[in-house]
C-alpha atoms as a PDB file:
ATOM      1  CA  MET A   1     191.425  39.092  57.155  1.00  0.00           C
ATOM      2  CA  LEU A   2     194.908  38.207  56.037  1.00  0.00           C
ATOM      3  CA  SER A   3     193.759  35.832  53.296  1.00  0.00           C
ATOM      4  CA  ASP A   4     191.561  38.587  51.858  1.00  0.00           C
ATOM      5  CA  LYS A   5     194.590  40.880  51.589  1.00  0.00           C
ATOM      6  CA  VAL A   6     196.601  38.160  49.836  1.00  0.00           C
ATOM      7  CA  SER A   7     193.715  37.612  47.416  1.00  0.00           C
ATOM      8  CA  TYR A   8     193.649  41.352  46.742  1.00  0.00           C
ATOM      9  CA  LEU A   9     197.410  41.285  46.060  1.00  0.00           C
ATOM     10  CA  LYS A  10     196.995  38.393  43.610  1.00  0.00           C
ATOM     11  CA  GLY A  11     194.188  40.297  41.898  1.00  0.00           C
ATOM     12  CA  LEU A  12     196.450  43.316  41.523  1.00  0.00           C
ATOM     13  CA  MET A  13     199.135  41.111  40.015  1.00  0.00           C
ATOM     14  CA  ASP A  14     196.624  39.698  37.498  1.00  0.00           C
ATOM     15  CA  GLY A  15     195.406  43.209  36.679  1.00  0.00           C
ATOM     16  CA  LEU A  16     198.953  44.379  35.993  1.00  0.00           C
ATOM     17  CA  ASP A  17     199.493  41.486  33.578  1.00  0.00           C
ATOM     18  CA  ILE A  18     202.516  40.226  35.470  1.00  0.00           C
ATOM     19  CA  SER A  19     203.545  37.278  33.379  1.00  0.00           C
ATOM     20  CA  ASP A  20     204.976  33.996  34.593  1.00  0.00           C
ATOM     21  CA  ALA A  21     207.203  34.101  31.501  1.00  0.00           C
ATOM     22  CA  THR A  22     209.638  36.538  33.136  1.00  0.00           C
ATOM     23  CA  LYS A  23     211.928  35.736  36.047  1.00  0.00           C
ATOM     24  CA  GLU A  24     210.455  38.571  38.108  1.00  0.00           C
ATOM     25  CA  GLY A  25     206.893  37.416  37.342  1.00  0.00           C
ATOM     26  CA  ARG A  26     207.639  33.868  38.486  1.00  0.00           C
ATOM     27  CA  ILE A  27     209.207  35.145  41.710  1.00  0.00           C
ATOM     28  CA  LEU A  28     206.216  37.382  42.448  1.00  0.00           C
ATOM     29  CA  ARG A  29     203.768  34.489  41.791  1.00  0.00           C
ATOM     30  CA  VAL A  30     205.737  32.180  44.120  1.00  0.00           C
ATOM     31  CA  ILE A  31     205.820  34.906  46.804  1.00  0.00           C
ATOM     32  CA  ALA A  32     202.055  35.431  46.445  1.00  0.00           C
ATOM     33  CA  ASP A  33     201.439  31.656  46.716  1.00  0.00           C
ATOM     34  CA  ILE A  34     203.617  31.451  49.827  1.00  0.00           C
ATOM     35  CA  LEU A  35     201.769  34.407  51.359  1.00  0.00           C
ATOM     36  CA  GLU A  36     198.449  32.724  50.605  1.00  0.00           C
ATOM     37  CA  GLU A  37     199.568  29.485  52.284  1.00  0.00           C
ATOM     38  CA  MET A  38     200.943  31.361  55.302  1.00  0.00           C
ATOM     39  CA  ALA A  39     197.738  33.369  55.673  1.00  0.00           C
ATOM     40  CA  GLY A  40     195.697  30.158  55.677  1.00  0.00           C
ATOM     41  CA  SER A  41     197.954  28.573  58.297  1.00  0.00           C
ATOM     42  CA  ILE A  42     197.866  31.663  60.501  1.00  0.00           C
ATOM     43  CA  GLU A  43     194.071  31.804  60.315  1.00  0.00           C
ATOM     44  CA  ASP A  44     193.852  28.093  61.216  1.00  0.00           C
ATOM     45  CA  VAL A  45     196.117  28.616  64.241  1.00  0.00           C
ATOM     46  CA  ALA A  46     194.137  31.683  65.325  1.00  0.00           C
ATOM     47  CA  GLU A  47     190.913  29.665  65.123  1.00  0.00           C
ATOM     48  CA  GLU A  48     192.410  26.848  67.221  1.00  0.00           C
ATOM     49  CA  VAL A  49     193.678  29.357  69.797  1.00  0.00           C
ATOM     50  CA  ASP A  50     190.193  30.883  70.045  1.00  0.00           C
ATOM     51  CA  GLU A  51     188.702  27.419  70.618  1.00  0.00           C
ATOM     52  CA  GLY A  52     191.378  26.702  73.247  1.00  0.00           C
ATOM     53  CA  VAL A  53     190.635  29.977  75.041  1.00  0.00           C
ATOM     54  CA  GLU A  54     186.922  29.123  75.082  1.00  0.00           C
ATOM     55  CA  LEU A  55     187.669  25.686  76.565  1.00  0.00           C
ATOM     56  CA  VAL A  56     189.990  27.163  79.203  1.00  0.00           C
ATOM     57  CA  ASP A  57     187.276  29.657  80.151  1.00  0.00           C
ATOM     58  CA  ILE A  58     184.758  26.811  80.531  1.00  0.00           C
ATOM     59  CA  ILE A  59     187.224  24.772  82.623  1.00  0.00           C
ATOM     60  CA  ASP A  60     188.033  27.832  84.741  1.00  0.00           C
ATOM     61  CA  LYS A  61     184.340  28.430  85.432  1.00  0.00           C
ATOM     62  CA  ASP A  62     183.851  24.756  86.332  1.00  0.00           C
ATOM     63  CA  LEU A  63     186.896  24.885  88.616  1.00  0.00           C
ATOM     64  CA  ASP A  64     185.499  27.996  90.301  1.00  0.00           C
ATOM     65  CA  ASP A  65     182.267  26.084  90.952  1.00  0.00           C
ATOM     66  CA  VAL A  66     184.210  23.141  92.413  1.00  0.00           C
ATOM     67  CA  GLU A  67     186.310  25.434  94.607  1.00  0.00           C
ATOM     68  CA  GLU A  68     183.189  27.226  95.788  1.00  0.00           C
ATOM     69  CA  ASP A  69     181.554  23.907  96.677  1.00  0.00           C
ATOM     70  CA  LEU A  70     184.670  22.705  98.528  1.00  0.00           C
ATOM     71  CA  TYR A  71     185.363  25.882 100.449  1.00  0.00           C
ATOM     72  CA  ASP A  72     181.704  26.576 101.221  1.00  0.00           C
ATOM     73  CA  PHE A  73     181.688  23.141 102.867  1.00  0.00           C
ATOM     74  CA  ASP A  74     184.224  24.453 105.399  1.00  0.00           C
ATOM     75  CA  GLU A  75     182.007  27.440 106.117  1.00  0.00           C
ATOM     76  CA  ASP A  76     178.924  25.237 106.471  1.00  0.00           C
ATOM     77  CA  VAL A  77     180.661  23.073 109.057  1.00  0.00           C
ATOM     78  CA  THR A  78     181.690  25.967 111.295  1.00  0.00           C
ATOM     79  CA  GLU A  79     178.988  28.530 110.465  1.00  0.00           C
ATOM     80  CA  GLY A  80     177.539  29.966 113.669  1.00  0.00           C
ATOM     81  CA  LEU A  81     179.781  27.781 115.787  1.00  0.00           C
ATOM     82  CA  GLU A  82     181.471  30.673 117.594  1.00  0.00           C
ATOM     83  CA  GLU A  83     178.131  32.035 118.863  1.00  0.00           C
ATOM     84  CA  LYS A  84     177.051  28.617 120.213  1.00  0.00           C
ATOM     85  CA  LEU A  85     180.189  28.025 122.287  1.00  0.00           C
ATOM     86  CA  SER A  86     180.752  28.903 125.903  1.00  0.00           C
ATOM     87  CA  PRO A  87     183.950  30.818 126.774  1.00  0.00           C
ATOM     88  CA  ALA A  88     185.532  27.586 128.050  1.00  0.00           C
ATOM     89  CA  GLU A  89     184.694  25.773 124.812  1.00  0.00           C
ATOM     90  CA  LYS A  90     186.124  28.626 122.735  1.00  0.00           C
ATOM     91  CA  ASP A  91     189.466  28.129 124.495  1.00  0.00           C
ATOM     92  CA  ASP A  92     189.455  24.378 123.737  1.00  0.00           C
ATOM     93  CA  PRO A  93     192.685  23.630 121.801  1.00  0.00           C
ATOM     94  CA  ASP A  94     190.960  20.740 119.954  1.00  0.00           C
ATOM     95  CA  LEU A  95     188.225  22.975 118.528  1.00  0.00           C
ATOM     96  CA  VAL A  96     188.523  23.422 114.753  1.00  0.00           C
ATOM     97  CA  THR A  97     187.343  26.762 113.355  1.00  0.00           C
ATOM     98  CA  ASP A  98     187.546  28.510 109.964  1.00  0.00           C
ATOM     99  CA  ALA A  99     190.925  29.999 110.873  1.00  0.00           C
ATOM    100  CA  ASP A 100     192.290  26.514 111.463  1.00  0.00           C
ATOM    101  CA  TYR A 101     191.402  25.394 107.935  1.00  0.00           C
ATOM    102  CA  ASP A 102     194.103  27.706 106.540  1.00  0.00           C
ATOM    103  CA  ASP A 103     196.742  25.519 108.236  1.00  0.00           C
ATOM    104  CA  PHE A 104     195.462  22.394 106.487  1.00  0.00           C
ATOM    105  CA  ASP A 105     196.132  23.502 102.895  1.00  0.00           C
ATOM    106  CA  GLU A 106     199.123  21.223 102.477  1.00  0.00           C
ATOM    107  CA  GLU A 107     197.846  18.282 104.532  1.00  0.00           C
ATOM    108  CA  GLN A 108     195.788  15.309 103.397  1.00  0.00           C
ATOM    109  CA  MET A 109     192.135  15.920 104.257  1.00  0.00           C
ATOM    110  CA  TYR A 110     189.564  13.305 105.279  1.00  0.00           C
ATOM    111  CA  GLU A 111     185.795  13.305 105.671  1.00  0.00           C
ATOM    112  CA  CYS A 112     184.387  11.915 108.884  1.00  0.00           C
ATOM    113  CA  CYS A 113     180.781  11.228 109.841  1.00  0.00           C
ATOM    114  CA  CYS A 114     179.935  11.931 113.489  1.00  0.00           C
ATOM    115  CA  THR A 115     178.330   8.869 115.074  1.00  0.00           C
ATOM    116  CA  ASN A 116     176.333  11.109 117.423  1.00  0.00           C
ATOM    117  CA  CYS A 117     174.804  13.823 115.197  1.00  0.00           C
ATOM    118  CA  GLY A 118     175.425  12.262 111.755  1.00  0.00           C
ATOM    119  CA  ASN A 119     177.025  15.388 110.289  1.00  0.00           C
ATOM    120  CA  THR A 120     179.971  14.984 107.960  1.00  0.00           C
ATOM    121  CA  ILE A 121     183.029  17.052 108.791  1.00  0.00           C
ATOM    122  CA  CYS A 122     186.336  17.583 107.027  1.00  0.00           C
ATOM    123  CA  ILE A 123     189.471  16.926 109.104  1.00  0.00           C
ATOM    124  CA  SER A 124     193.197  17.051 108.460  1.00  0.00           C
ATOM    125  CA  GLU A 125     195.631  14.173 108.650  1.00  0.00           C
ATOM    126  CA  SER A 126     197.293  15.712 111.719  1.00  0.00           C
ATOM    127  CA  ILE A 127     194.009  15.553 113.636  1.00  0.00           C
ATOM    128  CA  VAL A 128     193.475  11.945 112.553  1.00  0.00           C
ATOM    129  CA  LYS A 129     197.010  11.127 113.765  1.00  0.00           C
ATOM    130  CA  GLU A 130     196.195  12.666 117.173  1.00  0.00           C
ATOM    131  CA  GLY A 131     193.540   9.979 117.543  1.00  0.00           C
ATOM    132  CA  SER A 132     190.517  12.020 118.602  1.00  0.00           C
ATOM    133  CA  MET A 133     188.718  15.350 118.486  1.00  0.00           C
ATOM    134  CA  LYS A 134     185.379  16.823 119.511  1.00  0.00           C
ATOM    135  CA  CYS A 135     182.673  17.122 116.865  1.00  0.00           C
ATOM    136  CA  PRO A 136     182.282  20.850 116.053  1.00  0.00           C
ATOM    137  CA  ASN A 137     178.520  20.308 115.670  1.00  0.00           C
ATOM    138  CA  CYS A 138     177.537  18.368 118.806  1.00  0.00           C
ATOM    139  CA  ASN A 139     180.762  18.274 120.848  1.00  0.00           C
ATOM    140  CA  ALA A 140     180.791  14.433 120.917  1.00  0.00           C
ATOM    141  CA  LEU A 141     184.209  12.789 121.127  1.00  0.00           C
ATOM    142  CA  LEU A 142     185.314  11.360 117.773  1.00  0.00           C
ATOM    143  CA  GLU A 143     188.083   8.760 117.883  1.00  0.00           C
ATOM    144  CA  PHE A 144     190.283   7.677 114.991  1.00  0.00           C
ATOM    145  CA  ASN A 145     192.544   4.684 114.366  1.00  0.00           C
ATOM    146  CA  TYR A 146     195.387   5.883 112.175  1.00  0.00           C
ATOM    147  CA  VAL A 147     197.874   3.359 110.832  1.00  0.00           C
ATOM    148  CA  GLU A 148     200.723   4.825 108.826  1.00  0.00           C
ATOM    149  CA  ASP A 149     201.628   2.973 105.653  1.00  0.00           C
ATOM    150  CA  ASP A 150     205.241   1.699 105.656  1.00  0.00           C
ATOM    151  CA  ASP A 151     205.878   3.359 102.276  1.00  0.00           C
ATOM    152  CA  GLU A 152     204.775   6.738 103.595  1.00  0.00           C
ATOM    153  CA  ALA A 153     206.857   6.362 106.780  1.00  0.00           C
ATOM    154  CA  ASP A 154     210.004   6.001 104.674  1.00  0.00           C
ATOM    155  CA  LYS A 155     209.489   9.388 102.984  1.00  0.00           C
END
């Protein structure tokens, strides 16, 4: 470590009988003291950086878990849906599938509980504004009452 090297340098200076009585000796002692202080500071910063990296890794892992839970929810809602639909239902413009979720990234998302089957689904603000949609699980009509806040309308 850096502090070990500075200690070695100070030991060499002591072994060479560099005296503080001379101008050169005083300068070398001051330089060695400054190096020792700098080495300690650098080691402290390196230790804090290592701790910060560990914390970021923990947060990153936790965020991965949260993302997995959120995005797996989308897959759970629509999993197997395509196989269960008739050709006419597949052409339904109101049907929400996995591909549709990509369009919702920048929209406000809401959870809705189907009154018919009881399943919770995730829907975008644009669908809520439309006023209704069919439940992707049981095909029941879900209706929404959307009232836009005056503050949001001004934006």
